[in-house]
Amino acid sequence: MKSSFDEMQIAPDRVRPHYAAYERWLKRQPQEILQARREEAEMVFRRVGITFAVYGGKDDGAAGTERLIPFDLIPRVIPAHEWAEMERGLSQRVTALNRFVHDVYHEQAILRAGIVPADQVLKNAQFRPEMMGVDVAGGVYSHIAGVDIVRAGNADGSGDCYVLEDNLRVPSGVSYMLENRKMMMRLFPELFSAHRVEPVAHYPDLLLETLRAVAPAAVDDATVVLLTPGMYNSAYFEHAFLAQQMGVELVEGQDLFVKDKFVYMRTTQGPVRVDVIYRRLDDDFLDPLAFRPDSTLGCAGLLAAYQAGNVTLANAIGTGIADDKSIYPYVPKMIEFYLGEKPILKNVPTYLCREADDLKYVLDHLAELVVKEVHGAGGYGMLVGPAATKQEIEDFRAALLADPGRYIAQPTLSLSTCPTFVDSGIAPRHIDLRPFVLSGTEVQMVPGGLTRVALKDGSLVVNSSQGGGTKDTWVLEA
């Protein structure tokens, strides 16, 4: 495994230019002051209720409990020129992915051309035959994408950025990006007068603008709602937060009904027609008449209203086909096929375990690779070879042999590190970045995104469900 790229330092006595002013400030801060600020942040987050629910944790028996996501005081700083390149790459990638989803449910040109294997799409669990031939507003399927980007170190000390995952279904975490910024401005206002940091607070305005822009064509003043599975969902805080910030109604499935293929919301003043639904639940639960008949979370008849073009769903039904891990390796080819451009952002080299040669290589190198379930999420269902026990490796070997098509494998990237305030003081911890990309009449994003940090020493797993935390992300003005 290659050495990690340090986001702040070029060498022990040399700081990267974009971190120079912050590093001088940090050196002057007594540890007890930083500790007091961390405790203040935790108190405020707890009081406001910024929590997430833990599901299925097998290590500590805490499934179903509410937790704070640990917040780190030391920001991740990105220079303007670096963000500009990343922004161009994100826009390019999400545009191509939206074209791909439209193509899959219409002409299927990329399948006929043999660029993406038809079986990988048409037999995929995320493929929704109900969407074939359905025209969605503006041709946009993924209105909100959360693209995970990592930087891996090279032997010469440089670092290359890679896209690790495309989250196009119901990406979460943007509320933490916004609350982290508010907390940093509260704790350290002097830093924002000394640094020219690009703002992120306008994200809810951009989100609402994006959603209204994709309302059904005949609608002038669109009624937008946010559909949540309810208060027991792990991201319920975010659902309530975003609805409040946008000034739209937060609804559950029981608050909606369909009549004559139009969707209505029940209110104390009577039914109100709904034009755009920002849904935060998976396809399976949206409509018991079309998908899971036992779902009580969705709204009966919603699919028929959607197919008739009378309501917009963000993100669209069937979008998951484009963020399936078995489709991920083909994204660079999608960019070339649909846009005629070379990819700006790189993919991580990926072994498809359904392919015999790839499977043989993976089985021979399990101790060196990261193996992931194609439909896995949250850091579960994966093997990090260099950190795994012999028994864990053998268990994965058996799983791979039993059902190789369920898995992909990738080299173990040494994610870049950023100084982090932990119990022992300031120490490097591995990070990633999730920018949030909005697609409506145009592609927009706020500068930066959510930086996630693996708080355990040496850990590469940044997911909050696995003990990860978050940082504020500063993009410096040009």
Protein backbone atom coordinates (compact mmCIF):
# COMPACT_ATOMS: atom_id res chain seq x y z
CA MET A 1 0.00 0.00 0.00
CA LYS A 2 1.36 3.42 -0.97
CA SER A 3 2.07 6.07 1.62
CA SER A 4 -0.75 8.47 2.51
CA PHE A 5 -0.98 11.96 1.09
CA ASP A 6 -1.02 14.53 3.90
CA GLU A 7 -3.54 17.26 3.06
CA MET A 8 -1.81 19.85 5.27
CA GLN A 9 1.89 19.09 5.12
CA ILE A 10 4.34 18.46 2.29
CA ALA A 11 6.94 17.37 4.83
CA PRO A 12 7.15 17.52 8.66
CA ASP A 13 8.48 21.09 8.50
CA ARG A 14 6.70 22.27 5.33
CA VAL A 15 3.02 23.22 5.16
CA ARG A 16 1.03 23.37 1.92
CA PRO A 17 0.44 27.02 0.93
CA HIS A 18 -3.36 26.90 1.28
CA TYR A 19 -3.01 25.68 4.87
CA ALA A 20 -0.28 28.14 5.93
CA ALA A 21 -2.43 30.77 7.67
CA TYR A 22 -4.58 28.17 9.41
CA GLU A 23 -1.55 26.18 10.58
CA ARG A 24 -0.03 29.31 12.17
CA TRP A 25 -3.30 29.89 14.03
CA LEU A 26 -3.53 26.25 15.13
CA LYS A 27 -0.04 26.30 16.64
CA ARG A 28 -1.13 29.10 18.97
CA GLN A 29 -4.14 27.21 20.35
CA PRO A 30 -3.75 25.53 23.77
CA GLN A 31 -5.07 21.98 23.81
CA GLU A 32 -7.43 22.77 26.71
CA ILE A 33 -9.09 25.48 24.59
CA LEU A 34 -9.63 23.06 21.71
CA GLN A 35 -11.02 20.49 24.14
CA ALA A 36 -13.46 23.05 25.56
CA ARG A 37 -14.59 23.97 22.05
CA ARG A 38 -15.12 20.30 21.19
CA GLU A 39 -17.29 19.85 24.29
CA GLU A 40 -19.26 22.97 23.39
CA ALA A 41 -19.90 21.61 19.89
CA GLU A 42 -21.10 18.29 21.27
CA MET A 43 -23.43 20.04 23.71
CA VAL A 44 -24.97 22.17 20.94
CA PHE A 45 -25.34 19.26 18.53
CA ARG A 46 -27.03 17.20 21.24
CA ARG A 47 -29.37 20.05 22.15
CA VAL A 48 -30.35 20.65 18.52
CA GLY A 49 -30.83 16.92 17.99
CA ILE A 50 -28.27 16.34 15.24
CA THR A 51 -28.19 12.56 15.52
CA PHE A 52 -28.47 9.46 13.40
CA ALA A 53 -29.90 6.04 14.23
CA VAL A 54 -27.60 3.01 14.21
CA TYR A 55 -28.95 -0.07 12.45
CA GLY A 56 -27.55 -3.56 12.55
CA GLY A 57 -24.38 -2.81 14.48
CA LYS A 58 -23.03 -6.23 15.34
CA ASP A 59 -20.10 -5.12 17.45
CA ASP A 60 -21.64 -3.25 20.34
CA GLY A 61 -25.30 -4.18 20.46
CA ALA A 62 -26.26 -0.57 19.81
CA ALA A 63 -28.63 -1.19 16.92
CA GLY A 64 -31.54 1.22 16.93
CA THR A 65 -29.86 3.74 19.25
CA GLU A 66 -29.43 7.45 18.54
CA ARG A 67 -25.88 8.78 18.28
CA LEU A 68 -24.12 12.03 17.60
CA ILE A 69 -21.85 11.97 14.59
CA PRO A 70 -18.47 13.05 16.01
CA PHE A 71 -17.49 16.50 14.77
CA ASP A 72 -13.83 17.40 14.33
CA LEU A 73 -12.63 20.96 14.91
CA ILE A 74 -9.88 21.00 12.29
CA PRO A 75 -11.21 21.81 8.81
CA ARG A 76 -10.21 20.21 5.55
CA VAL A 77 -8.96 23.04 3.29
CA ILE A 78 -9.11 22.88 -0.52
CA PRO A 79 -7.51 25.56 -2.74
CA ALA A 80 -9.67 27.27 -5.37
CA HIS A 81 -7.89 25.80 -8.41
CA GLU A 82 -8.22 22.25 -7.09
CA TRP A 83 -11.94 22.67 -6.41
CA ALA A 84 -12.51 24.19 -9.87
CA GLU A 85 -11.09 21.05 -11.50
CA MET A 86 -13.11 18.80 -9.19
CA GLU A 87 -16.28 20.75 -9.93
CA ARG A 88 -15.78 20.34 -13.69
CA GLY A 89 -15.23 16.61 -13.21
CA LEU A 90 -18.31 16.20 -11.03
CA SER A 91 -20.52 18.07 -13.48
CA GLN A 92 -19.22 15.94 -16.35
CA ARG A 93 -19.71 12.69 -14.45
CA VAL A 94 -23.23 13.36 -13.19
CA THR A 95 -24.32 14.61 -16.62
CA ALA A 96 -23.13 11.35 -18.21
CA LEU A 97 -24.81 9.26 -15.50
CA ASN A 98 -28.12 11.02 -16.09
CA ARG A 99 -27.77 10.36 -19.83
CA PHE A 100 -27.04 6.71 -19.05
CA VAL A 101 -30.18 6.26 -16.94
CA HIS A 102 -32.32 7.91 -19.64
CA ASP A 103 -30.75 5.65 -22.27
CA VAL A 104 -31.29 2.50 -20.20
CA TYR A 105 -35.02 3.21 -19.98
CA HIS A 106 -35.37 4.35 -23.60
CA GLU A 107 -33.14 3.54 -26.62
CA GLN A 108 -30.54 1.40 -24.76
CA ALA A 109 -27.92 2.54 -27.29
CA ILE A 110 -25.04 1.90 -24.90
CA LEU A 111 -26.21 -1.69 -24.40
CA ARG A 112 -26.62 -2.29 -28.13
CA ALA A 113 -23.11 -0.90 -28.65
CA GLY A 114 -21.78 -3.48 -26.18
CA ILE A 115 -20.11 -0.85 -24.02
CA VAL A 116 -22.06 -1.87 -20.92
CA PRO A 117 -23.09 -5.55 -20.83
CA ALA A 118 -26.87 -5.78 -21.21
CA ASP A 119 -27.13 -8.53 -18.59
CA GLN A 120 -25.49 -6.25 -16.01
CA VAL A 121 -28.33 -3.77 -16.51
CA LEU A 122 -31.42 -5.74 -17.42
CA LYS A 123 -30.93 -8.44 -14.77
CA ASN A 124 -29.82 -5.98 -12.11
CA ALA A 125 -31.89 -5.69 -8.92
CA GLN A 126 -31.89 -1.88 -9.37
CA PHE A 127 -33.34 -2.00 -12.89
CA ARG A 128 -37.04 -1.02 -12.88
CA PRO A 129 -38.92 -2.30 -15.97
CA GLU A 130 -41.81 -0.03 -14.93
CA MET A 131 -39.68 2.94 -16.05
CA MET A 132 -39.23 1.76 -19.64
CA GLY A 133 -40.39 4.51 -22.00
CA VAL A 134 -41.31 6.88 -19.16
CA ASP A 135 -40.23 10.46 -19.90
CA VAL A 136 -39.17 12.36 -16.79
CA ALA A 137 -39.11 16.15 -16.49
CA GLY A 138 -36.06 17.64 -18.16
CA GLY A 139 -34.60 14.17 -18.72
CA VAL A 140 -33.09 14.38 -15.22
CA TYR A 141 -33.08 11.23 -13.10
CA SER A 142 -30.58 11.99 -10.38
CA HIS A 143 -31.43 15.49 -9.16
CA ILE A 144 -29.29 15.11 -6.02
CA ALA A 145 -26.06 13.08 -6.23
CA GLY A 146 -23.52 12.52 -3.48
CA VAL A 147 -20.25 11.51 -5.15
CA ASP A 148 -17.56 10.09 -2.87
CA ILE A 149 -14.05 11.27 -3.75
CA VAL A 150 -10.78 10.11 -2.19
CA ARG A 151 -7.17 11.12 -2.67
CA ALA A 152 -4.55 8.39 -2.70
CA GLY A 153 -0.84 8.95 -2.19
CA ASN A 154 1.82 8.19 -4.78
CA ALA A 155 5.40 7.12 -4.15
CA ASP A 156 6.68 10.59 -5.11
CA GLY A 157 4.55 12.28 -2.44
CA SER A 158 1.87 13.53 -4.83
CA GLY A 159 -1.77 12.52 -4.60
CA ASP A 160 -4.38 11.57 -7.18
CA CYS A 161 -8.14 12.01 -6.71
CA TYR A 162 -10.49 9.13 -7.49
CA VAL A 163 -14.24 8.70 -7.44
CA LEU A 164 -14.98 5.85 -5.06
CA GLU A 165 -18.77 5.72 -5.38
CA ASP A 166 -21.64 7.46 -7.17
CA ASN A 167 -24.58 7.79 -4.77
CA LEU A 168 -27.57 8.61 -6.95
CA ARG A 169 -30.56 7.18 -5.10
CA VAL A 170 -31.09 8.92 -1.75
CA PRO A 171 -27.67 10.35 -0.79
CA SER A 172 -27.48 11.69 2.75
CA GLY A 173 -25.14 13.86 4.79
CA VAL A 174 -25.71 17.35 3.43
CA SER A 175 -27.26 18.52 6.73
CA TYR A 176 -23.97 17.72 8.48
CA MET A 177 -22.09 19.79 5.90
CA LEU A 178 -24.33 22.76 6.70
CA GLU A 179 -24.33 22.30 10.48
CA ASN A 180 -20.55 21.80 10.57
CA ARG A 181 -20.09 25.17 8.90
CA LYS A 182 -22.48 26.87 11.33
CA MET A 183 -20.61 25.30 14.24
CA MET A 184 -17.18 26.41 13.00
CA MET A 185 -18.43 29.97 12.54
CA ARG A 186 -19.83 29.90 16.07
CA LEU A 187 -16.68 28.45 17.68
CA PHE A 188 -14.00 30.26 15.67
CA PRO A 189 -15.44 33.43 14.07
CA GLU A 190 -11.96 34.93 13.83
CA LEU A 191 -10.93 32.24 11.34
CA PHE A 192 -13.58 33.33 8.85
CA SER A 193 -12.45 36.94 8.98
CA ALA A 194 -8.86 35.79 8.34
CA HIS A 195 -9.70 33.29 5.56
CA ARG A 196 -11.79 33.82 2.45
CA VAL A 197 -13.91 30.65 2.64
CA GLU A 198 -16.55 29.99 -0.01
CA PRO A 199 -20.06 29.85 1.53
CA VAL A 200 -22.28 26.75 1.64
CA ALA A 201 -25.33 28.11 3.49
CA HIS A 202 -27.23 28.68 0.23
CA TYR A 203 -27.49 24.94 -0.48
CA PRO A 204 -31.19 24.69 0.59
CA ASP A 205 -32.00 27.55 -1.81
CA LEU A 206 -30.20 25.78 -4.65
CA LEU A 207 -31.95 22.52 -3.78
CA LEU A 208 -35.40 24.13 -3.83
CA GLU A 209 -34.57 25.91 -7.11
CA THR A 210 -33.49 22.57 -8.60
CA LEU A 211 -36.66 20.80 -7.48
CA ARG A 212 -38.98 23.53 -8.76
CA ALA A 213 -37.14 23.56 -12.08
CA VAL A 214 -38.14 19.94 -12.77
CA ALA A 215 -41.84 20.26 -11.94
CA PRO A 216 -44.30 18.90 -14.54
CA ALA A 217 -44.37 21.15 -17.60
CA ALA A 218 -47.83 22.65 -17.08
CA VAL A 219 -47.10 23.77 -13.50
CA ASP A 220 -46.18 27.40 -12.80
CA ASP A 221 -45.89 27.60 -9.00
CA ALA A 222 -44.82 24.10 -7.98
CA THR A 223 -45.77 22.61 -4.63
CA VAL A 224 -42.75 20.69 -3.32
CA VAL A 225 -42.79 18.24 -0.41
CA LEU A 226 -40.12 16.09 1.24
CA LEU A 227 -41.24 12.49 1.74
CA THR A 228 -39.66 10.78 4.76
CA PRO A 229 -40.04 7.19 6.00
CA GLY A 230 -40.60 8.73 9.44
CA MET A 231 -38.87 9.59 12.66
CA TYR A 232 -37.27 6.17 13.09
CA ASN A 233 -35.22 6.48 9.92
CA SER A 234 -31.47 6.96 10.48
CA ALA A 235 -31.46 10.25 8.55
CA TYR A 236 -34.71 11.70 9.92
CA PHE A 237 -32.91 14.72 11.37
CA GLU A 238 -31.72 15.58 7.87
CA HIS A 239 -35.20 15.17 6.37
CA ALA A 240 -36.76 17.53 8.91
CA PHE A 241 -33.83 19.95 8.64
CA LEU A 242 -33.97 20.24 4.84
CA ALA A 243 -37.75 20.59 4.74
CA GLN A 244 -37.54 23.39 7.30
CA GLN A 245 -34.67 25.11 5.50
CA MET A 246 -36.48 24.98 2.14
CA GLY A 247 -39.81 26.01 3.66
CA VAL A 248 -41.64 22.93 2.32
CA GLU A 249 -43.86 20.38 4.01
CA LEU A 250 -42.29 17.26 5.54
CA VAL A 251 -44.72 14.42 4.79
CA GLU A 252 -45.03 10.69 5.32
CA GLY A 253 -46.78 8.33 2.94
CA GLN A 254 -50.02 8.49 4.93
CA ASP A 255 -50.15 12.26 4.31
CA LEU A 256 -50.46 11.71 0.56
CA PHE A 257 -53.10 10.16 -1.69
CA VAL A 258 -53.59 9.73 -5.43
CA LYS A 259 -56.80 10.61 -7.29
CA ASP A 260 -57.17 10.50 -11.08
CA LYS A 261 -53.39 10.02 -11.35
CA PHE A 262 -52.61 13.23 -9.48
CA VAL A 263 -50.94 13.32 -6.05
CA TYR A 264 -52.50 15.29 -3.22
CA MET A 265 -51.40 16.18 0.28
CA ARG A 266 -53.88 16.11 3.15
CA THR A 267 -53.99 19.43 5.01
CA THR A 268 -56.31 21.02 7.55
CA GLN A 269 -57.58 23.27 4.73
CA GLY A 270 -58.30 20.29 2.47
CA PRO A 271 -56.34 18.48 -0.26
CA VAL A 272 -53.44 20.31 -1.95
CA ARG A 273 -51.98 19.05 -5.22
CA VAL A 274 -48.32 18.02 -5.01
CA ASP A 275 -46.06 18.60 -8.02
CA VAL A 276 -42.58 17.56 -6.84
CA ILE A 277 -41.67 14.95 -4.22
CA TYR A 278 -38.13 14.94 -2.85
CA ARG A 279 -38.30 11.38 -1.64
CA ARG A 280 -35.96 10.01 0.98
CA LEU A 281 -37.01 6.37 0.80
CA ASP A 282 -36.01 3.60 -1.57
CA ASP A 283 -37.93 2.54 -4.68
CA ASP A 284 -39.27 -0.63 -3.04
CA PHE A 285 -41.27 1.31 -0.48
CA LEU A 286 -42.72 4.07 -2.68
CA ASP A 287 -45.93 2.45 -3.90
CA PRO A 288 -47.45 -0.75 -2.44
CA LEU A 289 -49.48 -1.24 -5.64
CA ALA A 290 -46.31 -1.39 -7.78
CA PHE A 291 -43.48 -2.59 -5.58
CA ARG A 292 -43.59 -4.08 -2.08
CA PRO A 293 -47.25 -4.68 -1.18
CA ASP A 294 -46.40 -4.71 2.54
CA SER A 295 -44.95 -1.17 2.49
CA THR A 296 -46.76 1.32 4.69
CA LEU A 297 -44.21 4.07 3.97
CA GLY A 298 -45.25 5.10 0.49
CA CYS A 299 -48.41 6.15 -1.33
CA ALA A 300 -50.68 3.80 -3.29
CA GLY A 301 -50.93 4.82 -6.95
CA LEU A 302 -47.80 6.99 -6.92
CA LEU A 303 -46.15 5.12 -9.79
CA ALA A 304 -49.18 5.59 -12.06
CA ALA A 305 -49.22 9.34 -11.34
CA TYR A 306 -45.48 9.45 -12.05
CA GLN A 307 -45.76 7.50 -15.31
CA ALA A 308 -48.51 9.91 -16.40
CA GLY A 309 -46.13 12.85 -15.91
CA ASN A 310 -48.30 14.47 -13.23
CA VAL A 311 -45.67 14.50 -10.49
CA THR A 312 -41.86 14.61 -10.39
CA LEU A 313 -39.92 12.33 -8.07
CA ALA A 314 -36.44 13.34 -7.03
CA ASN A 315 -34.55 11.20 -7.42
CA ALA A 316 -36.33 9.26 -10.15
CA ILE A 317 -37.46 5.67 -9.74
CA GLY A 318 -34.83 3.34 -11.20
CA THR A 319 -31.90 5.71 -10.77
CA GLY A 320 -30.12 3.08 -8.66
CA ILE A 321 -29.05 1.29 -11.81
CA ALA A 322 -26.39 3.98 -12.27
CA ASP A 323 -24.83 3.77 -8.81
CA ASP A 324 -24.67 0.01 -8.58
CA LYS A 325 -21.09 -1.03 -7.87
CA SER A 326 -21.11 -3.45 -10.79
CA ILE A 327 -21.95 -0.57 -13.16
CA TYR A 328 -19.35 1.82 -11.65
CA PRO A 329 -16.41 0.47 -13.73
CA TYR A 330 -18.17 1.57 -16.94
CA VAL A 331 -18.66 5.24 -16.01
CA PRO A 332 -15.49 6.46 -17.80
CA LYS A 333 -16.76 4.78 -20.99
CA MET A 334 -20.18 6.39 -20.46
CA ILE A 335 -18.54 9.82 -20.39
CA GLU A 336 -16.82 9.12 -23.71
CA PHE A 337 -19.96 7.58 -25.25
CA TYR A 338 -22.47 10.28 -24.29
CA LEU A 339 -20.31 13.39 -24.09
CA GLY A 340 -17.40 12.62 -26.41
CA GLU A 341 -14.99 13.71 -23.66
CA LYS A 342 -12.20 12.16 -21.66
CA PRO A 343 -13.07 11.67 -17.98
CA ILE A 344 -11.75 14.44 -15.73
CA LEU A 345 -12.09 12.38 -12.53
CA LYS A 346 -10.54 8.92 -12.35
CA ASN A 347 -12.16 5.67 -11.33
CA VAL A 348 -10.46 3.28 -8.91
CA PRO A 349 -9.29 0.19 -10.84
CA THR A 350 -11.97 -2.43 -10.23
CA TYR A 351 -12.09 -6.22 -10.50
CA LEU A 352 -15.49 -7.67 -11.43
CA CYS A 353 -15.68 -10.96 -9.57
CA ARG A 354 -18.28 -12.31 -12.01
CA GLU A 355 -15.44 -12.44 -14.58
CA ALA A 356 -13.38 -15.65 -14.24
CA ASP A 357 -9.97 -14.00 -14.65
CA ASP A 358 -10.82 -11.19 -12.23
CA LEU A 359 -12.17 -13.68 -9.69
CA LYS A 360 -8.98 -15.74 -9.85
CA TYR A 361 -6.86 -12.64 -9.25
CA VAL A 362 -9.04 -11.52 -6.34
CA LEU A 363 -8.95 -14.93 -4.67
CA ASP A 364 -5.15 -14.97 -4.98
CA HIS A 365 -4.79 -11.45 -3.52
CA LEU A 366 -7.55 -11.18 -0.90
CA ALA A 367 -5.14 -9.99 1.76
CA GLU A 368 -4.26 -6.94 -0.39
CA LEU A 369 -7.66 -5.87 -1.71
CA VAL A 370 -10.91 -4.25 -0.62
CA VAL A 371 -13.85 -6.47 -1.53
CA LYS A 372 -17.36 -4.95 -1.59
CA GLU A 373 -20.86 -6.26 -2.05
CA VAL A 374 -22.37 -4.83 -5.22
CA HIS A 375 -25.42 -3.56 -3.29
CA GLY A 376 -23.64 -2.93 0.02
CA ALA A 377 -23.69 0.45 1.77
CA GLY A 378 -22.66 2.13 4.99
CA GLY A 379 -19.33 0.33 5.25
CA TYR A 380 -21.05 -3.02 5.80
CA GLY A 381 -20.57 -6.16 3.72
CA MET A 382 -16.97 -5.38 2.81
CA LEU A 383 -13.52 -6.81 3.42
CA VAL A 384 -10.47 -4.56 3.90
CA GLY A 385 -7.82 -7.16 3.22
CA PRO A 386 -4.78 -5.59 4.94
CA ALA A 387 -6.82 -5.05 8.14
CA ALA A 388 -8.67 -8.38 8.09
CA THR A 389 -8.03 -11.51 10.16
CA LYS A 390 -7.25 -14.82 8.47
CA GLN A 391 -10.72 -16.05 9.38
CA GLU A 392 -12.40 -12.98 7.84
CA ILE A 393 -10.42 -13.53 4.65
CA GLU A 394 -11.43 -17.18 4.49
CA ASP A 395 -15.07 -16.31 5.15
CA PHE A 396 -14.97 -13.89 2.22
CA ARG A 397 -13.25 -16.46 0.05
CA ALA A 398 -16.16 -18.85 0.66
CA ALA A 399 -18.69 -16.08 -0.08
CA LEU A 400 -16.92 -15.17 -3.32
CA LEU A 401 -16.84 -18.78 -4.50
CA ALA A 402 -20.53 -19.22 -3.64
CA ASP A 403 -21.76 -16.10 -5.47
CA PRO A 404 -18.99 -14.17 -7.26
CA GLY A 405 -21.42 -11.88 -9.08
CA ARG A 406 -22.34 -10.22 -5.77
CA TYR A 407 -18.87 -8.71 -5.35
CA ILE A 408 -16.30 -6.36 -6.82
CA ALA A 409 -12.76 -5.78 -5.57
CA GLN A 410 -10.39 -2.82 -5.66
CA PRO A 411 -6.81 -2.07 -4.60
CA THR A 412 -6.54 -0.84 -1.02
CA LEU A 413 -6.06 2.90 -1.44
CA SER A 414 -4.23 4.71 1.31
CA LEU A 415 -6.72 7.55 1.70
CA SER A 416 -5.22 10.98 2.30
CA THR A 417 -4.94 12.16 5.90
CA CYS A 418 -5.86 15.42 7.56
CA PRO A 419 -4.86 16.59 11.06
CA THR A 420 -7.67 15.68 13.44
CA PHE A 421 -8.24 16.56 17.11
CA VAL A 422 -8.52 13.23 18.91
CA ASP A 423 -8.20 12.28 22.58
CA SER A 424 -4.40 12.02 22.37
CA GLY A 425 -4.10 15.44 20.69
CA ILE A 426 -3.73 16.36 17.02
CA ALA A 427 -3.01 13.35 14.80
CA PRO A 428 -3.49 12.38 11.13
CA ARG A 429 -6.66 10.49 10.23
CA HIS A 430 -7.89 9.23 6.86
CA ILE A 431 -10.63 11.21 5.09
CA ASP A 432 -12.87 11.29 2.05
CA LEU A 433 -15.12 13.96 0.52
CA ARG A 434 -18.78 13.82 -0.54
CA PRO A 435 -19.74 16.82 -2.70
CA PHE A 436 -23.47 17.18 -3.39
CA VAL A 437 -24.30 17.74 -7.06
CA LEU A 438 -27.68 19.19 -8.03
CA SER A 439 -29.10 18.64 -11.53
CA GLY A 440 -32.12 20.61 -12.77
CA THR A 441 -32.06 22.95 -15.74
CA GLU A 442 -28.31 23.12 -15.01
CA VAL A 443 -25.78 21.32 -12.84
CA GLN A 444 -24.90 23.21 -9.65
CA MET A 445 -23.15 22.54 -6.36
CA VAL A 446 -21.93 24.47 -3.36
CA PRO A 447 -18.13 24.57 -2.95
CA GLY A 448 -16.79 21.58 -1.05
CA GLY A 449 -19.07 19.03 0.53
CA LEU A 450 -19.03 16.72 3.53
CA THR A 451 -15.59 15.59 4.65
CA ARG A 452 -15.84 12.30 6.51
CA VAL A 453 -13.02 11.14 8.77
CA ALA A 454 -12.05 7.71 10.09
CA LEU A 455 -11.44 8.50 13.76
CA LYS A 456 -9.85 5.14 14.60
CA ASP A 457 -6.09 5.22 14.14
CA GLY A 458 -5.21 3.51 10.86
CA SER A 459 -8.84 2.87 9.87
CA LEU A 460 -9.90 3.50 6.25
CA VAL A 461 -13.65 3.26 6.97
CA VAL A 462 -15.13 6.75 7.28
CA ASN A 463 -18.83 5.80 7.52
CA SER A 464 -20.64 7.21 10.55
CA SER A 465 -22.22 3.80 11.15
CA GLN A 466 -18.69 2.44 11.57
CA GLY A 467 -17.43 5.08 14.01
CA GLY A 468 -16.48 7.80 11.53
CA GLY A 469 -16.86 11.53 12.09
CA THR A 470 -17.13 14.67 9.98
CA LYS A 471 -15.22 17.92 9.38
CA ASP A 472 -16.02 21.30 7.90
CA THR A 473 -14.73 21.60 4.33
CA TRP A 474 -13.24 24.93 3.30
CA VAL A 475 -12.87 25.85 -0.33
CA LEU A 476 -10.79 29.02 -0.42
CA GLU A 477 -11.85 31.82 -2.75
CA ALA A 478 -9.63 32.39 -5.75
